[in-house]
């Protein structure tokens, strides 16, 4: 299978490095994000040394989103990208901030509402593998640092393809495979320092160990590009950032 999270046994998949029943994974992932929701933004800044803001800015600046567009921000989390999309589409546009985890969605809604970001944004709890939106509905869809947590990535990509309008674009921002020269340092950081920071800052070492493992189980750049093409997307491409630690994938529906 092209999805590296699918294990040899049909009824199992990976939760980090652990092989679990497919039905159990969604519950386990939910537990991780229930645990980290309140500290998610702080930990993002600490873990990436602020680089996640640059990665997201590059993604936004090259998104092509403009006034009047309908945008789906999938795996919206605490809503940082949704907030920017809201400003980009303006009063005539619409942003749907969607996440499978109700606690993450709640934190995002509260933070954006407190900032006065209302009117052109709505919040929908949804599973990426079975999006509850009409066919050919959105001009643009993004999933940022969320695809690696989806059990059946092919199903999610097919669902995203379905809800995009012809001419619409998908953007996937996700951790990926770094350059070989960076791997020793990156592995030490991921498996030694990251869990330690999780314990000291968020009192949650296990969740951040899972996050490090989930990155390693995610398809590499070329594999994900191929999966997008298999889902029907055309002109698929990716751009590495920070030596391949993060990759920005794009594809169009024609």
C-alpha atoms as a PDB file:
ATOM      1  CA  UNK A   1       0.000   0.000   0.000  1.00  0.00           C
ATOM      2  CA  UNK A   2       1.133   3.559  -0.604  1.00  0.00           C
ATOM      3  CA  UNK A   3      -0.134   4.680   2.798  1.00  0.00           C
ATOM      4  CA  UNK A   4       2.685   3.905   5.221  1.00  0.00           C
ATOM      5  CA  UNK A   5       0.264   4.028   8.115  1.00  0.00           C
ATOM      6  CA  UNK A   6      -1.493   0.916   6.853  1.00  0.00           C
ATOM      7  CA  UNK A   7      -0.015  -2.192   8.402  1.00  0.00           C
ATOM      8  CA  UNK A   8       0.295  -5.620   6.858  1.00  0.00           C
ATOM      9  CA  UNK A   9      -2.802  -6.828   8.634  1.00  0.00           C
ATOM     10  CA  UNK A  10      -5.946  -5.354   7.073  1.00  0.00           C
ATOM     11  CA  UNK A  11      -7.511  -4.497  10.432  1.00  0.00           C
ATOM     12  CA  UNK A  12      -4.518  -2.699  11.913  1.00  0.00           C
ATOM     13  CA  UNK A  13      -2.633   0.529  11.422  1.00  0.00           C
ATOM     14  CA  UNK A  14       0.114   2.475  13.138  1.00  0.00           C
ATOM     15  CA  UNK A  15      -0.267   4.776  16.110  1.00  0.00           C
ATOM     16  CA  UNK A  16       3.230   6.180  16.063  1.00  0.00           C
ATOM     17  CA  UNK A  17       5.430   3.086  16.057  1.00  0.00           C
ATOM     18  CA  UNK A  18       2.777   0.953  17.750  1.00  0.00           C
ATOM     19  CA  UNK A  19       0.511  -1.282  15.692  1.00  0.00           C
ATOM     20  CA  UNK A  20      -3.113  -0.922  16.779  1.00  0.00           C
ATOM     21  CA  UNK A  21      -6.580  -1.853  15.590  1.00  0.00           C
ATOM     22  CA  UNK A  22      -7.899   0.580  12.970  1.00  0.00           C
ATOM     23  CA  UNK A  23     -10.914   1.400  15.138  1.00  0.00           C
ATOM     24  CA  UNK A  24      -8.665   2.179  18.087  1.00  0.00           C
ATOM     25  CA  UNK A  25      -6.464   4.695  16.308  1.00  0.00           C
ATOM     26  CA  UNK A  26      -9.038   7.482  16.056  1.00  0.00           C
ATOM     27  CA  UNK A  27      -9.692   7.199  19.800  1.00  0.00           C
ATOM     28  CA  UNK A  28      -5.976   7.262  20.602  1.00  0.00           C
ATOM     29  CA  UNK A  29      -5.297  10.273  18.363  1.00  0.00           C
ATOM     30  CA  UNK A  30      -8.248  12.070  19.947  1.00  0.00           C
ATOM     31  CA  UNK A  31      -6.706  11.454  23.342  1.00  0.00           C
ATOM     32  CA  UNK A  32      -3.443  13.041  22.232  1.00  0.00           C
ATOM     33  CA  UNK A  33      -5.103  16.224  21.031  1.00  0.00           C
ATOM     34  CA  UNK A  34      -7.480  16.406  23.991  1.00  0.00           C
ATOM     35  CA  UNK A  35      -4.332  16.449  26.101  1.00  0.00           C
ATOM     36  CA  UNK A  36      -2.360  19.053  24.133  1.00  0.00           C
ATOM     37  CA  UNK A  37      -5.175  21.418  23.053  1.00  0.00           C
ATOM     38  CA  UNK A  38      -4.653  24.139  25.673  1.00  0.00           C
ATOM     39  CA  UNK A  39      -0.872  24.224  25.266  1.00  0.00           C
ATOM     40  CA  UNK A  40      -0.819  23.584  21.524  1.00  0.00           C
ATOM     41  CA  UNK A  41       0.209  27.066  20.352  1.00  0.00           C
ATOM     42  CA  UNK A  42       2.865  27.476  23.043  1.00  0.00           C
ATOM     43  CA  UNK A  43       4.329  24.082  22.243  1.00  0.00           C
ATOM     44  CA  UNK A  44       4.341  24.844  18.504  1.00  0.00           C
ATOM     45  CA  UNK A  45       6.457  27.924  19.130  1.00  0.00           C
ATOM     46  CA  UNK A  46       8.811  26.090  21.465  1.00  0.00           C
ATOM     47  CA  UNK A  47       9.116  22.917  19.376  1.00  0.00           C
ATOM     48  CA  UNK A  48       9.783  24.701  16.089  1.00  0.00           C
ATOM     49  CA  UNK A  49      11.658  27.650  17.604  1.00  0.00           C
ATOM     50  CA  UNK A  50       9.069  29.817  15.874  1.00  0.00           C
ATOM     51  CA  UNK A  51       9.711  28.322  12.447  1.00  0.00           C
ATOM     52  CA  UNK A  52       6.118  27.073  12.124  1.00  0.00           C
ATOM     53  CA  UNK A  53       5.073  30.702  11.646  1.00  0.00           C
ATOM     54  CA  UNK A  54       7.411  31.037   8.657  1.00  0.00           C
ATOM     55  CA  UNK A  55       6.246  27.722   7.161  1.00  0.00           C
ATOM     56  CA  UNK A  56       2.621  28.821   7.431  1.00  0.00           C
ATOM     57  CA  UNK A  57       3.365  32.282   6.028  1.00  0.00           C
ATOM     58  CA  UNK A  58       4.968  30.719   2.942  1.00  0.00           C
ATOM     59  CA  UNK A  59       1.933  28.453   2.550  1.00  0.00           C
ATOM     60  CA  UNK A  60      -0.490  31.376   2.855  1.00  0.00           C
ATOM     61  CA  UNK A  61       1.493  33.661   0.550  1.00  0.00           C
ATOM     62  CA  UNK A  62       1.515  31.036  -2.198  1.00  0.00           C
ATOM     63  CA  UNK A  63      -2.042  29.754  -1.666  1.00  0.00           C
ATOM     64  CA  UNK A  64      -3.730  31.875  -4.306  1.00  0.00           C
ATOM     65  CA  UNK A  65      -6.702  32.462  -1.997  1.00  0.00           C
ATOM     66  CA  UNK A  66      -8.474  35.721  -2.771  1.00  0.00           C
ATOM     67  CA  UNK A  67     -11.571  37.738  -1.931  1.00  0.00           C
ATOM     68  CA  UNK A  68     -14.851  35.867  -2.370  1.00  0.00           C
ATOM     69  CA  UNK A  69     -13.353  32.372  -2.185  1.00  0.00           C
ATOM     70  CA  UNK A  70     -14.784  29.508  -0.188  1.00  0.00           C
ATOM     71  CA  UNK A  71     -11.979  27.955   1.840  1.00  0.00           C
ATOM     72  CA  UNK A  72     -11.851  24.729   3.842  1.00  0.00           C
ATOM     73  CA  UNK A  73      -9.241  24.739   6.595  1.00  0.00           C
ATOM     74  CA  UNK A  74      -9.113  21.086   7.576  1.00  0.00           C
ATOM     75  CA  UNK A  75      -7.399  20.006  10.800  1.00  0.00           C
ATOM     76  CA  UNK A  76      -7.856  23.662  11.719  1.00  0.00           C
ATOM     77  CA  UNK A  77      -6.801  23.127  15.324  1.00  0.00           C
ATOM     78  CA  UNK A  78      -6.460  26.429  17.166  1.00  0.00           C
ATOM     79  CA  UNK A  79      -7.394  28.371  14.034  1.00  0.00           C
ATOM     80  CA  UNK A  80      -4.231  30.302  13.157  1.00  0.00           C
ATOM     81  CA  UNK A  81      -4.553  29.596   9.434  1.00  0.00           C
ATOM     82  CA  UNK A  82      -8.340  30.014   9.503  1.00  0.00           C
ATOM     83  CA  UNK A  83      -7.873  33.508  10.912  1.00  0.00           C
ATOM     84  CA  UNK A  84      -5.615  34.473   8.027  1.00  0.00           C
ATOM     85  CA  UNK A  85      -7.911  32.898   5.452  1.00  0.00           C
ATOM     86  CA  UNK A  86     -10.820  34.872   6.932  1.00  0.00           C
ATOM     87  CA  UNK A  87      -9.014  38.130   6.207  1.00  0.00           C
ATOM     88  CA  UNK A  88      -8.018  36.951   2.730  1.00  0.00           C
ATOM     89  CA  UNK A  89     -11.513  35.968   1.537  1.00  0.00           C
ATOM     90  CA  UNK A  90     -13.216  39.054   3.004  1.00  0.00           C
ATOM     91  CA  UNK A  91     -16.880  39.660   3.695  1.00  0.00           C
ATOM     92  CA  UNK A  92     -18.016  38.039   0.446  1.00  0.00           C
ATOM     93  CA  UNK A  93     -16.049  34.866   1.078  1.00  0.00           C
ATOM     94  CA  UNK A  94     -16.399  32.019   3.543  1.00  0.00           C
ATOM     95  CA  UNK A  95     -14.015  29.947   5.648  1.00  0.00           C
ATOM     96  CA  UNK A  96     -14.941  26.612   7.174  1.00  0.00           C
ATOM     97  CA  UNK A  97     -12.640  25.705  10.048  1.00  0.00           C
ATOM     98  CA  UNK A  98     -12.951  21.962  10.511  1.00  0.00           C
ATOM     99  CA  UNK A  99     -11.353  19.485  12.881  1.00  0.00           C
ATOM    100  CA  UNK A 100     -12.206  15.973  14.029  1.00  0.00           C
ATOM    101  CA  UNK A 101     -11.329  16.884  17.612  1.00  0.00           C
ATOM    102  CA  UNK A 102     -14.003  18.936  19.414  1.00  0.00           C
ATOM    103  CA  UNK A 103     -11.605  20.272  22.038  1.00  0.00           C
ATOM    104  CA  UNK A 104      -9.190  21.629  19.441  1.00  0.00           C
ATOM    105  CA  UNK A 105     -12.114  23.149  17.532  1.00  0.00           C
ATOM    106  CA  UNK A 106     -13.460  24.714  20.739  1.00  0.00           C
ATOM    107  CA  UNK A 107     -10.093  26.311  21.550  1.00  0.00           C
ATOM    108  CA  UNK A 108      -9.828  27.641  18.000  1.00  0.00           C
ATOM    109  CA  UNK A 109     -13.337  29.069  18.016  1.00  0.00           C
ATOM    110  CA  UNK A 110     -12.822  30.797  21.356  1.00  0.00           C
ATOM    111  CA  UNK A 111      -9.512  32.328  20.298  1.00  0.00           C
ATOM    112  CA  UNK A 112     -10.794  33.633  16.980  1.00  0.00           C
ATOM    113  CA  UNK A 113     -13.994  34.956  18.532  1.00  0.00           C
ATOM    114  CA  UNK A 114     -11.976  36.756  21.211  1.00  0.00           C
ATOM    115  CA  UNK A 115     -10.019  38.409  18.400  1.00  0.00           C
ATOM    116  CA  UNK A 116     -13.253  39.554  16.745  1.00  0.00           C
ATOM    117  CA  UNK A 117     -12.913  37.182  13.791  1.00  0.00           C
ATOM    118  CA  UNK A 118     -16.571  36.446  13.097  1.00  0.00           C
ATOM    119  CA  UNK A 119     -19.060  36.714  10.260  1.00  0.00           C
ATOM    120  CA  UNK A 120     -17.355  34.853   7.426  1.00  0.00           C
ATOM    121  CA  UNK A 121     -16.150  31.823   9.373  1.00  0.00           C
ATOM    122  CA  UNK A 122     -17.934  28.748  10.641  1.00  0.00           C
ATOM    123  CA  UNK A 123     -16.785  25.707  12.602  1.00  0.00           C
ATOM    124  CA  UNK A 124     -17.566  22.110  11.679  1.00  0.00           C
ATOM    125  CA  UNK A 125     -16.452  18.963  13.460  1.00  0.00           C
ATOM    126  CA  UNK A 126     -15.718  16.494  10.686  1.00  0.00           C
ATOM    127  CA  UNK A 127     -13.712  13.415   9.747  1.00  0.00           C
ATOM    128  CA  UNK A 128     -11.307  14.106   6.881  1.00  0.00           C
ATOM    129  CA  UNK A 129     -12.102  10.703   5.400  1.00  0.00           C
ATOM    130  CA  UNK A 130     -15.814  11.532   4.981  1.00  0.00           C
ATOM    131  CA  UNK A 131     -16.271  15.285   4.702  1.00  0.00           C
ATOM    132  CA  UNK A 132     -19.894  16.433   5.191  1.00  0.00           C
ATOM    133  CA  UNK A 133     -19.850  19.029   2.413  1.00  0.00           C
ATOM    134  CA  UNK A 134     -21.380  19.103  -1.077  1.00  0.00           C
ATOM    135  CA  UNK A 135     -19.477  18.138  -4.193  1.00  0.00           C
ATOM    136  CA  UNK A 136     -17.615  20.954  -5.985  1.00  0.00           C
ATOM    137  CA  UNK A 137     -18.111  23.380  -3.098  1.00  0.00           C
ATOM    138  CA  UNK A 138     -14.757  24.945  -2.140  1.00  0.00           C
ATOM    139  CA  UNK A 139     -12.299  27.007  -4.171  1.00  0.00           C
ATOM    140  CA  UNK A 140      -9.441  26.009  -1.909  1.00  0.00           C
ATOM    141  CA  UNK A 141      -8.708  23.446   0.797  1.00  0.00           C
ATOM    142  CA  UNK A 142      -5.811  23.166   3.192  1.00  0.00           C
ATOM    143  CA  UNK A 143      -4.728  20.610   5.744  1.00  0.00           C
ATOM    144  CA  UNK A 144      -1.843  21.775   7.886  1.00  0.00           C
ATOM    145  CA  UNK A 145       0.064  19.365  10.134  1.00  0.00           C
ATOM    146  CA  UNK A 146      -2.939  17.059  10.266  1.00  0.00           C
ATOM    147  CA  UNK A 147      -2.745  14.564   7.422  1.00  0.00           C
ATOM    148  CA  UNK A 148      -0.225  12.368   9.232  1.00  0.00           C
ATOM    149  CA  UNK A 149      -2.841  11.686  11.931  1.00  0.00           C
ATOM    150  CA  UNK A 150      -5.446  10.434   9.449  1.00  0.00           C
ATOM    151  CA  UNK A 151      -5.786   6.651   9.372  1.00  0.00           C
ATOM    152  CA  UNK A 152      -6.709   6.279   5.687  1.00  0.00           C
ATOM    153  CA  UNK A 153      -4.948   9.088   3.876  1.00  0.00           C
ATOM    154  CA  UNK A 154      -6.142   7.961   0.445  1.00  0.00           C
ATOM    155  CA  UNK A 155      -9.755   8.311   1.631  1.00  0.00           C
ATOM    156  CA  UNK A 156      -9.060  11.800   2.982  1.00  0.00           C
ATOM    157  CA  UNK A 157      -7.440  12.927  -0.265  1.00  0.00           C
ATOM    158  CA  UNK A 158     -10.366  11.533  -2.271  1.00  0.00           C
ATOM    159  CA  UNK A 159     -12.812  13.340   0.018  1.00  0.00           C
ATOM    160  CA  UNK A 160     -10.921  16.597  -0.390  1.00  0.00           C
ATOM    161  CA  UNK A 161     -10.902  16.142  -4.158  1.00  0.00           C
ATOM    162  CA  UNK A 162     -14.667  15.641  -4.149  1.00  0.00           C
ATOM    163  CA  UNK A 163     -15.503  18.849  -2.260  1.00  0.00           C
ATOM    164  CA  UNK A 164     -13.231  21.086  -4.357  1.00  0.00           C
ATOM    165  CA  UNK A 165     -14.628  22.924  -7.354  1.00  0.00           C
ATOM    166  CA  UNK A 166     -13.062  22.344 -10.770  1.00  0.00           C
ATOM    167  CA  UNK A 167     -10.063  24.650 -10.809  1.00  0.00           C
ATOM    168  CA  UNK A 168      -9.786  24.377  -7.028  1.00  0.00           C
ATOM    169  CA  UNK A 169      -6.514  23.770  -5.242  1.00  0.00           C
ATOM    170  CA  UNK A 170      -5.426  21.580  -2.344  1.00  0.00           C
ATOM    171  CA  UNK A 171      -2.542  22.572  -0.089  1.00  0.00           C
ATOM    172  CA  UNK A 172      -0.953  20.103   2.336  1.00  0.00           C
ATOM    173  CA  UNK A 173       1.576  21.450   4.826  1.00  0.00           C
ATOM    174  CA  UNK A 174       3.179  18.623   6.775  1.00  0.00           C
ATOM    175  CA  UNK A 175       6.345  17.330   8.365  1.00  0.00           C
ATOM    176  CA  UNK A 176       8.261  15.193   5.920  1.00  0.00           C
ATOM    177  CA  UNK A 177      11.617  13.498   5.286  1.00  0.00           C
ATOM    178  CA  UNK A 178      14.642  15.747   5.934  1.00  0.00           C
ATOM    179  CA  UNK A 179      17.954  15.689   4.113  1.00  0.00           C
ATOM    180  CA  UNK A 180      20.190  12.793   5.152  1.00  0.00           C
ATOM    181  CA  UNK A 181      22.734  15.194   6.661  1.00  0.00           C
ATOM    182  CA  UNK A 182      20.091  16.513   9.055  1.00  0.00           C
ATOM    183  CA  UNK A 183      18.734  13.164  10.231  1.00  0.00           C
ATOM    184  CA  UNK A 184      21.076  12.513  13.205  1.00  0.00           C
ATOM    185  CA  UNK A 185      20.423  15.945  14.715  1.00  0.00           C
ATOM    186  CA  UNK A 186      16.716  15.788  13.873  1.00  0.00           C
ATOM    187  CA  UNK A 187      16.325  12.336  15.421  1.00  0.00           C
ATOM    188  CA  UNK A 188      18.064  13.401  18.618  1.00  0.00           C
ATOM    189  CA  UNK A 189      15.831  16.445  18.842  1.00  0.00           C
ATOM    190  CA  UNK A 190      12.651  14.489  18.081  1.00  0.00           C
ATOM    191  CA  UNK A 191      13.144  11.567  20.439  1.00  0.00           C
ATOM    192  CA  UNK A 192      15.116  13.170  23.267  1.00  0.00           C
ATOM    193  CA  UNK A 193      14.340  16.874  23.482  1.00  0.00           C
ATOM    194  CA  UNK A 194      10.759  16.937  22.184  1.00  0.00           C
ATOM    195  CA  UNK A 195       9.321  14.514  24.780  1.00  0.00           C
ATOM    196  CA  UNK A 196      11.298  16.340  27.478  1.00  0.00           C
ATOM    197  CA  UNK A 197       9.782  19.675  26.441  1.00  0.00           C
ATOM    198  CA  UNK A 198       6.358  18.046  26.419  1.00  0.00           C
ATOM    199  CA  UNK A 199       6.863  16.891  29.989  1.00  0.00           C
ATOM    200  CA  UNK A 200       8.244  20.198  31.271  1.00  0.00           C
ATOM    201  CA  UNK A 201       5.868  22.577  29.474  1.00  0.00           C
ATOM    202  CA  UNK A 202       2.680  20.602  28.931  1.00  0.00           C
ATOM    203  CA  UNK A 203       3.114  17.850  31.540  1.00  0.00           C
ATOM    204  CA  UNK A 204       2.615  15.346  28.724  1.00  0.00           C
ATOM    205  CA  UNK A 205       5.657  13.419  27.532  1.00  0.00           C
ATOM    206  CA  UNK A 206       3.788  10.571  25.820  1.00  0.00           C
ATOM    207  CA  UNK A 207       1.742  12.759  23.468  1.00  0.00           C
ATOM    208  CA  UNK A 208       4.830  14.500  22.140  1.00  0.00           C
ATOM    209  CA  UNK A 209       6.647  11.204  21.724  1.00  0.00           C
ATOM    210  CA  UNK A 210       3.685  10.073  19.599  1.00  0.00           C
ATOM    211  CA  UNK A 211       3.915  13.250  17.515  1.00  0.00           C
ATOM    212  CA  UNK A 212       7.591  12.525  16.780  1.00  0.00           C
ATOM    213  CA  UNK A 213       6.793   8.926  15.831  1.00  0.00           C
ATOM    214  CA  UNK A 214       3.824   9.934  13.662  1.00  0.00           C
ATOM    215  CA  UNK A 215       6.105  12.157  11.604  1.00  0.00           C
ATOM    216  CA  UNK A 216       8.387   9.195  10.855  1.00  0.00           C
ATOM    217  CA  UNK A 217       5.421   7.061   9.727  1.00  0.00           C
ATOM    218  CA  UNK A 218       4.088   9.739   7.361  1.00  0.00           C
ATOM    219  CA  UNK A 219       4.707   9.245   3.623  1.00  0.00           C
ATOM    220  CA  UNK A 220       7.760  11.021   2.260  1.00  0.00           C
ATOM    221  CA  UNK A 221       7.548  13.835  -0.267  1.00  0.00           C
ATOM    222  CA  UNK A 222       7.442  11.798  -3.459  1.00  0.00           C
ATOM    223  CA  UNK A 223       5.069   9.209  -1.996  1.00  0.00           C
ATOM    224  CA  UNK A 224       2.567  11.845  -0.907  1.00  0.00           C
ATOM    225  CA  UNK A 225       2.819  13.551  -4.281  1.00  0.00           C
ATOM    226  CA  UNK A 226       1.952  10.217  -5.907  1.00  0.00           C
ATOM    227  CA  UNK A 227      -0.978   9.687  -3.535  1.00  0.00           C
ATOM    228  CA  UNK A 228      -2.397  13.085  -4.483  1.00  0.00           C
ATOM    229  CA  UNK A 229      -2.133  12.200  -8.171  1.00  0.00           C
ATOM    230  CA  UNK A 230      -3.862   8.871  -7.523  1.00  0.00           C
ATOM    231  CA  UNK A 231      -6.721  10.775  -5.850  1.00  0.00           C
ATOM    232  CA  UNK A 232      -7.202  12.738  -9.080  1.00  0.00           C
ATOM    233  CA  UNK A 233      -5.198  15.886  -8.419  1.00  0.00           C
ATOM    234  CA  UNK A 234      -3.187  17.304 -11.308  1.00  0.00           C
ATOM    235  CA  UNK A 235      -0.069  19.462 -11.503  1.00  0.00           C
ATOM    236  CA  UNK A 236       0.992  18.043  -8.149  1.00  0.00           C
ATOM    237  CA  UNK A 237       4.176  19.502  -6.746  1.00  0.00           C
ATOM    238  CA  UNK A 238       5.953  20.038  -3.458  1.00  0.00           C
ATOM    239  CA  UNK A 239       8.411  22.477  -1.967  1.00  0.00           C
ATOM    240  CA  UNK A 240      10.774  21.540   0.845  1.00  0.00           C
ATOM    241  CA  UNK A 241      11.338  23.918   3.725  1.00  0.00           C
ATOM    242  CA  UNK A 242      14.000  23.744   6.432  1.00  0.00           C
ATOM    243  CA  UNK A 243      15.884  21.018   4.603  1.00  0.00           C
ATOM    244  CA  UNK A 244      12.834  18.830   4.060  1.00  0.00           C
ATOM    245  CA  UNK A 245      11.758  18.796   7.703  1.00  0.00           C
ATOM    246  CA  UNK A 246       8.537  20.297   6.359  1.00  0.00           C
ATOM    247  CA  UNK A 247       7.095  20.032   2.850  1.00  0.00           C
ATOM    248  CA  UNK A 248       4.352  22.043   1.190  1.00  0.00           C
ATOM    249  CA  UNK A 249       2.396  19.970  -1.340  1.00  0.00           C
ATOM    250  CA  UNK A 250      -0.077  21.419  -3.852  1.00  0.00           C
ATOM    251  CA  UNK A 251      -2.402  19.966  -6.445  1.00  0.00           C
ATOM    252  CA  UNK A 252      -5.315  21.103  -8.598  1.00  0.00           C
ATOM    253  CA  UNK A 253      -8.692  19.658  -9.456  1.00  0.00           C
ATOM    254  CA  UNK A 254      -9.496  20.206 -13.139  1.00  0.00           C
END
